[in-house]
PDB file of N, CA and C in Angstrom:
ATOM      1  N   UNK A   1     117.536  -0.725   6.773  1.00  0.00           N
ATOM      2  CA  UNK A   1     118.673  -0.125   6.103  1.00  0.00           C
ATOM      3  C   UNK A   1     119.537  -1.219   5.496  1.00  0.00           C
ATOM      4  N   UNK A   2     120.587  -0.803   4.850  1.00  0.00           N
ATOM      5  CA  UNK A   2     121.489  -1.739   4.191  1.00  0.00           C
ATOM      6  C   UNK A   2     122.340  -2.478   5.218  1.00  0.00           C
ATOM      7  N   UNK A   3     122.889  -3.597   4.804  1.00  0.00           N
ATOM      8  CA  UNK A   3     123.751  -4.361   5.699  1.00  0.00           C
ATOM      9  C   UNK A   3     125.086  -3.644   5.880  1.00  0.00           C
ATOM     10  N   UNK A   4     125.978  -4.259   6.629  1.00  0.00           N
ATOM     11  CA  UNK A   4     127.253  -3.636   6.970  1.00  0.00           C
ATOM     12  C   UNK A   4     128.086  -3.264   5.738  1.00  0.00           C
ATOM     13  N   UNK A   5     128.002  -4.066   4.668  1.00  0.00           N
ATOM     14  CA  UNK A   5     128.868  -3.844   3.521  1.00  0.00           C
ATOM     15  C   UNK A   5     128.145  -3.272   2.309  1.00  0.00           C
ATOM     16  N   UNK A   6     126.890  -2.905   2.445  1.00  0.00           N
ATOM     17  CA  UNK A   6     126.139  -2.304   1.348  1.00  0.00           C
ATOM     18  C   UNK A   6     125.817  -0.859   1.689  1.00  0.00           C
ATOM     19  N   UNK A   7     125.856   0.003   0.687  1.00  0.00           N
ATOM     20  CA  UNK A   7     125.445   1.386   0.870  1.00  0.00           C
ATOM     21  C   UNK A   7     124.009   1.521   0.413  1.00  0.00           C
ATOM     22  N   UNK A   8     123.186   2.202   1.199  1.00  0.00           N
ATOM     23  CA  UNK A   8     121.819   2.461   0.772  1.00  0.00           C
ATOM     24  C   UNK A   8     121.869   3.532  -0.309  1.00  0.00           C
ATOM     25  N   UNK A   9     121.150   3.336  -1.375  1.00  0.00           N
ATOM     26  CA  UNK A   9     121.145   4.273  -2.496  1.00  0.00           C
ATOM     27  C   UNK A   9     120.122   5.383  -2.247  1.00  0.00           C
ATOM     28  N   UNK A  10     120.541   6.442  -1.564  1.00  0.00           N
ATOM     29  CA  UNK A  10     119.662   7.584  -1.343  1.00  0.00           C
ATOM     30  C   UNK A  10     119.393   8.259  -2.679  1.00  0.00           C
ATOM     31  N   UNK A  11     118.145   8.710  -2.881  1.00  0.00           N
ATOM     32  CA  UNK A  11     117.758   9.384  -4.121  1.00  0.00           C
ATOM     33  C   UNK A  11     117.228  10.773  -3.784  1.00  0.00           C
ATOM     34  N   UNK A  12     117.485  11.737  -4.646  1.00  0.00           N
ATOM     35  CA  UNK A  12     116.964  13.086  -4.455  1.00  0.00           C
ATOM     36  C   UNK A  12     115.441  13.033  -4.430  1.00  0.00           C
ATOM     37  N   UNK A  13     114.837  13.731  -3.492  1.00  0.00           N
ATOM     38  CA  UNK A  13     113.386  13.750  -3.358  1.00  0.00           C
ATOM     39  C   UNK A  13     112.853  12.750  -2.349  1.00  0.00           C
ATOM     40  N   UNK A  14     113.679  11.809  -1.924  1.00  0.00           N
ATOM     41  CA  UNK A  14     113.259  10.785  -0.968  1.00  0.00           C
ATOM     42  C   UNK A  14     113.103  11.408   0.423  1.00  0.00           C
ATOM     43  N   UNK A  15     112.106  10.957   1.174  1.00  0.00           N
ATOM     44  CA  UNK A  15     111.851  11.495   2.512  1.00  0.00           C
ATOM     45  C   UNK A  15     112.322  10.508   3.566  1.00  0.00           C
ATOM     46  N   UNK A  16     112.989  11.052   4.597  1.00  0.00           N
ATOM     47  CA  UNK A  16     113.580  10.241   5.653  1.00  0.00           C
ATOM     48  C   UNK A  16     113.043  10.662   7.012  1.00  0.00           C
ATOM     49  N   UNK A  17     112.991   9.737   7.940  1.00  0.00           N
ATOM     50  CA  UNK A  17     112.692  10.050   9.335  1.00  0.00           C
ATOM     51  C   UNK A  17     113.955   9.722  10.126  1.00  0.00           C
ATOM     52  N   UNK A  18     114.497  10.734  10.823  1.00  0.00           N
ATOM     53  CA  UNK A  18     115.722  10.543  11.587  1.00  0.00           C
ATOM     54  C   UNK A  18     115.412  10.180  13.036  1.00  0.00           C
ATOM     55  N   UNK A  19     116.407   9.610  13.722  1.00  0.00           N
ATOM     56  CA  UNK A  19     116.233   9.165  15.108  1.00  0.00           C
ATOM     57  C   UNK A  19     116.098  10.338  16.073  1.00  0.00           C
ATOM     58  N   UNK A  20     116.888  11.388  15.846  1.00  0.00           N
ATOM     59  CA  UNK A  20     116.872  12.539  16.754  1.00  0.00           C
ATOM     60  C   UNK A  20     116.033  13.671  16.176  1.00  0.00           C
ATOM     61  N   UNK A  21     115.373  14.381  17.069  1.00  0.00           N
ATOM     62  CA  UNK A  21     114.500  15.486  16.684  1.00  0.00           C
ATOM     63  C   UNK A  21     115.325  16.731  16.363  1.00  0.00           C
ATOM     64  N   UNK A  22     114.927  17.459  15.329  1.00  0.00           N
ATOM     65  CA  UNK A  22     115.548  18.731  14.977  1.00  0.00           C
ATOM     66  C   UNK A  22     115.068  19.776  15.990  1.00  0.00           C
ATOM     67  N   UNK A  23     115.843  20.826  16.272  1.00  0.00           N
ATOM     68  CA  UNK A  23     115.405  21.853  17.226  1.00  0.00           C
ATOM     69  C   UNK A  23     114.044  22.483  16.909  1.00  0.00           C
ATOM     70  N   UNK A  24     113.609  22.466  15.642  1.00  0.00           N
ATOM     71  CA  UNK A  24     112.298  23.022  15.285  1.00  0.00           C
ATOM     72  C   UNK A  24     111.167  22.072  15.675  1.00  0.00           C
ATOM     73  N   UNK A  25     111.502  20.835  16.050  1.00  0.00           N
ATOM     74  CA  UNK A  25     110.488  19.865  16.457  1.00  0.00           C
ATOM     75  C   UNK A  25     110.210  18.791  15.423  1.00  0.00           C
ATOM     76  N   UNK A  26     110.810  18.891  14.242  1.00  0.00           N
ATOM     77  CA  UNK A  26     110.543  17.930  13.176  1.00  0.00           C
ATOM     78  C   UNK A  26     111.509  16.752  13.173  1.00  0.00           C
ATOM     79  N   UNK A  27     111.015  15.609  12.730  1.00  0.00           N
ATOM     80  CA  UNK A  27     111.830  14.409  12.563  1.00  0.00           C
ATOM     81  C   UNK A  27     112.055  14.098  11.083  1.00  0.00           C
ATOM     82  N   UNK A  28     111.264  14.705  10.191  1.00  0.00           N
ATOM     83  CA  UNK A  28     111.253  14.334   8.777  1.00  0.00           C
ATOM     84  C   UNK A  28     112.125  15.265   7.936  1.00  0.00           C
ATOM     85  N   UNK A  29     112.883  14.650   7.019  1.00  0.00           N
ATOM     86  CA  UNK A  29     113.813  15.364   6.151  1.00  0.00           C
ATOM     87  C   UNK A  29     113.645  14.871   4.725  1.00  0.00           C
ATOM     88  N   UNK A  30     114.040  15.686   3.755  1.00  0.00           N
ATOM     89  CA  UNK A  30     113.998  15.312   2.344  1.00  0.00           C
ATOM     90  C   UNK A  30     115.414  15.389   1.778  1.00  0.00           C
ATOM     91  N   UNK A  31     115.791  14.394   0.983  1.00  0.00           N
ATOM     92  CA  UNK A  31     117.117  14.366   0.360  1.00  0.00           C
ATOM     93  C   UNK A  31     117.132  15.368  -0.794  1.00  0.00           C
ATOM     94  N   UNK A  32     118.101  16.272  -0.780  1.00  0.00           N
ATOM     95  CA  UNK A  32     118.264  17.279  -1.829  1.00  0.00           C
ATOM     96  C   UNK A  32     119.281  16.785  -2.861  1.00  0.00           C
ATOM     97  N   UNK A  33     120.411  16.267  -2.372  1.00  0.00           N
ATOM     98  CA  UNK A  33     121.496  15.814  -3.240  1.00  0.00           C
ATOM     99  C   UNK A  33     122.138  14.589  -2.610  1.00  0.00           C
ATOM    100  N   UNK A  34     122.438  13.596  -3.431  1.00  0.00           N
ATOM    101  CA  UNK A  34     123.060  12.369  -2.934  1.00  0.00           C
ATOM    102  C   UNK A  34     124.420  12.181  -3.589  1.00  0.00           C
ATOM    103  N   UNK A  35     125.358  11.710  -2.813  1.00  0.00           N
ATOM    104  CA  UNK A  35     126.719  11.439  -3.274  1.00  0.00           C
ATOM    105  C   UNK A  35     127.486  10.909  -2.075  1.00  0.00           C
ATOM    106  N   UNK A  36     128.784  11.195  -1.996  1.00  0.00           N
ATOM    107  CA  UNK A  36     129.561  10.798  -0.822  1.00  0.00           C
ATOM    108  C   UNK A  36     129.067  11.592   0.389  1.00  0.00           C
ATOM    109  N   UNK A  37     128.630  12.824   0.142  1.00  0.00           N
ATOM    110  CA  UNK A  37     128.031  13.647   1.185  1.00  0.00           C
ATOM    111  C   UNK A  37     126.589  13.919   0.755  1.00  0.00           C
ATOM    112  N   UNK A  38     125.649  13.759   1.666  1.00  0.00           N
ATOM    113  CA  UNK A  38     124.225  13.891   1.359  1.00  0.00           C
ATOM    114  C   UNK A  38     123.722  15.240   1.879  1.00  0.00           C
ATOM    115  N   UNK A  39     123.012  15.985   1.043  1.00  0.00           N
ATOM    116  CA  UNK A  39     122.362  17.225   1.469  1.00  0.00           C
ATOM    117  C   UNK A  39     120.902  16.912   1.754  1.00  0.00           C
ATOM    118  N   UNK A  40     120.430  17.346   2.928  1.00  0.00           N
ATOM    119  CA  UNK A  40     119.046  17.104   3.318  1.00  0.00           C
ATOM    120  C   UNK A  40     118.399  18.408   3.769  1.00  0.00           C
ATOM    121  N   UNK A  41     117.062  18.443   3.707  1.00  0.00           N
ATOM    122  CA  UNK A  41     116.289  19.637   4.066  1.00  0.00           C
ATOM    123  C   UNK A  41     115.229  19.241   5.076  1.00  0.00           C
ATOM    124  N   UNK A  42     115.132  19.981   6.177  1.00  0.00           N
ATOM    125  CA  UNK A  42     114.121  19.728   7.201  1.00  0.00           C
ATOM    126  C   UNK A  42     112.753  20.107   6.639  1.00  0.00           C
ATOM    127  N   UNK A  43     111.784  19.208   6.772  1.00  0.00           N
ATOM    128  CA  UNK A  43     110.439  19.488   6.271  1.00  0.00           C
ATOM    129  C   UNK A  43     109.642  20.350   7.248  1.00  0.00           C
ATOM    130  N   UNK A  44     110.174  20.574   8.449  1.00  0.00           N
ATOM    131  CA  UNK A  44     109.503  21.422   9.429  1.00  0.00           C
ATOM    132  C   UNK A  44     109.821  22.893   9.230  1.00  0.00           C
ATOM    133  N   UNK A  45     111.117  23.220   9.105  1.00  0.00           N
ATOM    134  CA  UNK A  45     111.518  24.623   9.045  1.00  0.00           C
ATOM    135  C   UNK A  45     112.248  25.008   7.763  1.00  0.00           C
ATOM    136  N   UNK A  46     112.638  24.032   6.940  1.00  0.00           N
ATOM    137  CA  UNK A  46     113.307  24.333   5.682  1.00  0.00           C
ATOM    138  C   UNK A  46     114.818  24.434   5.772  1.00  0.00           C
ATOM    139  N   UNK A  47     115.395  24.209   6.941  1.00  0.00           N
ATOM    140  CA  UNK A  47     116.854  24.260   7.118  1.00  0.00           C
ATOM    141  C   UNK A  47     117.517  23.181   6.281  1.00  0.00           C
ATOM    142  N   UNK A  48     118.605  23.541   5.590  1.00  0.00           N
ATOM    143  CA  UNK A  48     119.352  22.574   4.789  1.00  0.00           C
ATOM    144  C   UNK A  48     120.700  22.317   5.435  1.00  0.00           C
ATOM    145  N   UNK A  49     121.144  21.063   5.359  1.00  0.00           N
ATOM    146  CA  UNK A  49     122.457  20.717   5.884  1.00  0.00           C
ATOM    147  C   UNK A  49     123.027  19.548   5.100  1.00  0.00           C
ATOM    148  N   UNK A  50     124.335  19.384   5.182  1.00  0.00           N
ATOM    149  CA  UNK A  50     125.019  18.272   4.529  1.00  0.00           C
ATOM    150  C   UNK A  50     125.694  17.430   5.590  1.00  0.00           C
ATOM    151  N   UNK A  51     125.750  16.124   5.340  1.00  0.00           N
ATOM    152  CA  UNK A  51     126.465  15.233   6.244  1.00  0.00           C
ATOM    153  C   UNK A  51     127.030  14.066   5.453  1.00  0.00           C
ATOM    154  N   UNK A  52     128.100  13.462   5.958  1.00  0.00           N
ATOM    155  CA  UNK A  52     128.661  12.295   5.274  1.00  0.00           C
ATOM    156  C   UNK A  52     127.645  11.160   5.211  1.00  0.00           C
ATOM    157  N   UNK A  53     127.691  10.390   4.136  1.00  0.00           N
ATOM    158  CA  UNK A  53     126.762   9.274   3.916  1.00  0.00           C
ATOM    159  C   UNK A  53     126.740   8.330   5.112  1.00  0.00           C
ATOM    160  N   UNK A  54     127.892   7.978   5.638  1.00  0.00           N
ATOM    161  CA  UNK A  54     127.990   7.021   6.747  1.00  0.00           C
ATOM    162  C   UNK A  54     127.231   7.531   7.974  1.00  0.00           C
ATOM    163  N   UNK A  55     127.389   8.805   8.285  1.00  0.00           N
ATOM    164  CA  UNK A  55     126.711   9.405   9.437  1.00  0.00           C
ATOM    165  C   UNK A  55     125.196   9.420   9.223  1.00  0.00           C
ATOM    166  N   UNK A  56     124.753   9.733   8.013  1.00  0.00           N
ATOM    167  CA  UNK A  56     123.317   9.759   7.725  1.00  0.00           C
ATOM    168  C   UNK A  56     122.719   8.360   7.820  1.00  0.00           C
ATOM    169  N   UNK A  57     123.437   7.348   7.318  1.00  0.00           N
ATOM    170  CA  UNK A  57     122.935   5.970   7.399  1.00  0.00           C
ATOM    171  C   UNK A  57     122.687   5.556   8.843  1.00  0.00           C
ATOM    172  N   UNK A  58     123.538   6.005   9.762  1.00  0.00           N
ATOM    173  CA  UNK A  58     123.366   5.678  11.183  1.00  0.00           C
ATOM    174  C   UNK A  58     122.222   6.471  11.809  1.00  0.00           C
ATOM    175  N   UNK A  59     121.925   7.647  11.261  1.00  0.00           N
ATOM    176  CA  UNK A  59     120.904   8.531  11.830  1.00  0.00           C
ATOM    177  C   UNK A  59     119.485   8.217  11.370  1.00  0.00           C
ATOM    178  N   UNK A  60     119.335   7.498  10.257  1.00  0.00           N
ATOM    179  CA  UNK A  60     118.011   7.254   9.677  1.00  0.00           C
ATOM    180  C   UNK A  60     117.261   6.188  10.462  1.00  0.00           C
ATOM    181  N   UNK A  61     116.028   6.523  10.825  1.00  0.00           N
ATOM    182  CA  UNK A  61     115.148   5.575  11.509  1.00  0.00           C
ATOM    183  C   UNK A  61     114.264   4.857  10.497  1.00  0.00           C
ATOM    184  N   UNK A  62     113.767   5.589   9.485  1.00  0.00           N
ATOM    185  CA  UNK A  62     112.866   4.999   8.488  1.00  0.00           C
ATOM    186  C   UNK A  62     112.895   5.823   7.205  1.00  0.00           C
ATOM    187  N   UNK A  63     112.566   5.157   6.107  1.00  0.00           N
ATOM    188  CA  UNK A  63     112.354   5.811   4.817  1.00  0.00           C
ATOM    189  C   UNK A  63     110.846   5.991   4.691  1.00  0.00           C
ATOM    190  N   UNK A  64     110.391   7.227   4.460  1.00  0.00           N
ATOM    191  CA  UNK A  64     108.958   7.505   4.382  1.00  0.00           C
ATOM    192  C   UNK A  64     108.485   7.251   2.957  1.00  0.00           C
ATOM    193  N   UNK A  65     107.509   6.384   2.824  1.00  0.00           N
ATOM    194  CA  UNK A  65     106.946   6.044   1.512  1.00  0.00           C
ATOM    195  C   UNK A  65     105.757   6.955   1.224  1.00  0.00           C
ATOM    196  N   UNK A  66     105.724   7.540   0.026  1.00  0.00           N
ATOM    197  CA  UNK A  66     104.561   8.314  -0.406  1.00  0.00           C
ATOM    198  C   UNK A  66     103.643   7.380  -1.172  1.00  0.00           C
ATOM    199  N   UNK A  67     102.417   7.207  -0.698  1.00  0.00           N
ATOM    200  CA  UNK A  67     101.461   6.305  -1.341  1.00  0.00           C
ATOM    201  C   UNK A  67     100.525   7.035  -2.293  1.00  0.00           C
ATOM    202  N   UNK A  68     100.923   8.210  -2.768  1.00  0.00           N
ATOM    203  CA  UNK A  68     100.097   8.966  -3.708  1.00  0.00           C
ATOM    204  C   UNK A  68     100.445   8.539  -5.127  1.00  0.00           C
ATOM    205  N   UNK A  69      99.715   7.582  -5.656  1.00  0.00           N
ATOM    206  CA  UNK A  69      99.978   7.090  -7.020  1.00  0.00           C
ATOM    207  C   UNK A  69      99.014   7.710  -7.994  1.00  0.00           C
TER     208      UNK A  69
END
């Protein structure tokens, strides 16, 4: 992730793996909208939620890379 004074530039469509498991059992989320508040969608059940950028940066374990070129 970014250092203490840099913001990670989340992009719509990007896939994230969070540290804590969602109640449906999934760890993977997709960014729907990026700004001061980020909207994300669970890839397991489709639930959408918004959270402040700072909170999401602390929750992200990894950025999932799609190798389908």
